[in-house]
């Protein structure tokens, strides 16, 4: 249970320009913790399009999953 912090730009109402992708989460995880998880192993139930805290699942192996806490804040 590590927390990945991402910053993004948003328009009116706090909606992001685009969405936070699995690639961005994977890169931030590698940069912040030195943990390498391929972007296709990160499973998002729905796209992250607003600021806040989210829990994202990742598939680590056969029937082994983990949870990544993602915090999206304003850039």
Protein backbone atom coordinates (compact mmCIF):
# COMPACT_ATOMS: atom_id res chain seq x y z
CA UNK A 1 0.00 0.00 0.00
CA UNK A 2 2.16 2.87 -1.22
CA UNK A 3 0.80 6.25 -2.21
CA UNK A 4 1.69 7.66 -5.62
CA UNK A 5 1.33 11.43 -5.96
CA UNK A 6 0.53 12.90 -9.36
CA UNK A 7 -0.12 16.49 -10.37
CA UNK A 8 -2.33 17.51 -13.26
CA UNK A 9 -3.87 20.57 -14.84
CA UNK A 10 -7.63 21.06 -14.74
CA UNK A 11 -10.30 23.32 -16.10
CA UNK A 12 -13.43 24.67 -14.52
CA UNK A 13 -15.05 22.47 -11.90
CA UNK A 14 -11.85 20.55 -11.16
CA UNK A 15 -12.14 18.26 -14.18
CA UNK A 16 -8.78 17.27 -15.61
CA UNK A 17 -7.69 17.96 -19.18
CA UNK A 18 -7.71 14.31 -20.27
CA UNK A 19 -7.36 11.49 -17.75
CA UNK A 20 -4.62 9.98 -15.60
CA UNK A 21 -3.34 6.95 -17.53
CA UNK A 22 -1.84 3.66 -16.41
CA UNK A 23 1.40 4.79 -18.06
CA UNK A 24 1.53 7.89 -15.84
CA UNK A 25 0.87 5.82 -12.71
CA UNK A 26 3.55 3.30 -13.72
CA UNK A 27 6.11 6.06 -14.37
CA UNK A 28 5.34 7.82 -11.07
CA UNK A 29 5.60 4.54 -9.15
CA UNK A 30 9.01 3.89 -10.68
CA UNK A 31 10.22 7.46 -10.06
CA UNK A 32 8.92 7.81 -6.49
CA UNK A 33 9.56 4.30 -5.13
CA UNK A 34 11.82 2.51 -7.62
CA UNK A 35 9.09 -0.11 -8.16
CA UNK A 36 8.62 -1.20 -11.76
CA UNK A 37 5.13 -2.38 -12.71
CA UNK A 38 4.22 -2.55 -16.38
CA UNK A 39 1.36 -0.27 -17.42
CA UNK A 40 -0.69 -3.24 -18.66
CA UNK A 41 -0.61 -4.72 -15.13
CA UNK A 42 -2.36 -1.65 -13.68
CA UNK A 43 -6.14 -1.99 -13.76
CA UNK A 44 -8.34 1.10 -13.56
CA UNK A 45 -12.05 0.48 -12.98
CA UNK A 46 -12.81 3.88 -14.47
CA UNK A 47 -10.67 6.72 -15.83
CA UNK A 48 -9.35 9.21 -13.28
CA UNK A 49 -10.66 12.59 -14.45
CA UNK A 50 -10.82 14.65 -11.23
CA UNK A 51 -8.57 15.60 -8.33
CA UNK A 52 -8.72 13.34 -5.31
CA UNK A 53 -7.54 10.04 -3.88
CA UNK A 54 -8.12 6.78 -5.72
CA UNK A 55 -7.32 3.11 -5.22
CA UNK A 56 -6.05 1.33 -8.32
CA UNK A 57 -5.50 -2.42 -8.49
CA UNK A 58 -2.47 -4.02 -10.10
CA UNK A 59 -1.91 -7.62 -11.17
CA UNK A 60 1.44 -8.79 -9.83
CA UNK A 61 1.29 -12.45 -10.77
CA UNK A 62 -0.98 -15.46 -10.93
CA UNK A 63 -3.89 -14.60 -8.60
CA UNK A 64 -1.69 -12.03 -6.82
CA UNK A 65 -2.97 -8.47 -6.78
CA UNK A 66 -2.00 -5.29 -5.02
CA UNK A 67 -3.48 -1.88 -4.44
CA UNK A 68 -1.85 1.42 -5.31
CA UNK A 69 -3.17 4.58 -3.69
CA UNK A 70 -3.11 7.41 -6.21
CA UNK A 71 -3.40 11.04 -5.12
CA UNK A 72 -4.10 13.53 -7.91
CA UNK A 73 -3.55 17.17 -7.00
CA UNK A 74 -3.54 20.44 -8.92
CA UNK A 75 -0.39 21.31 -10.82
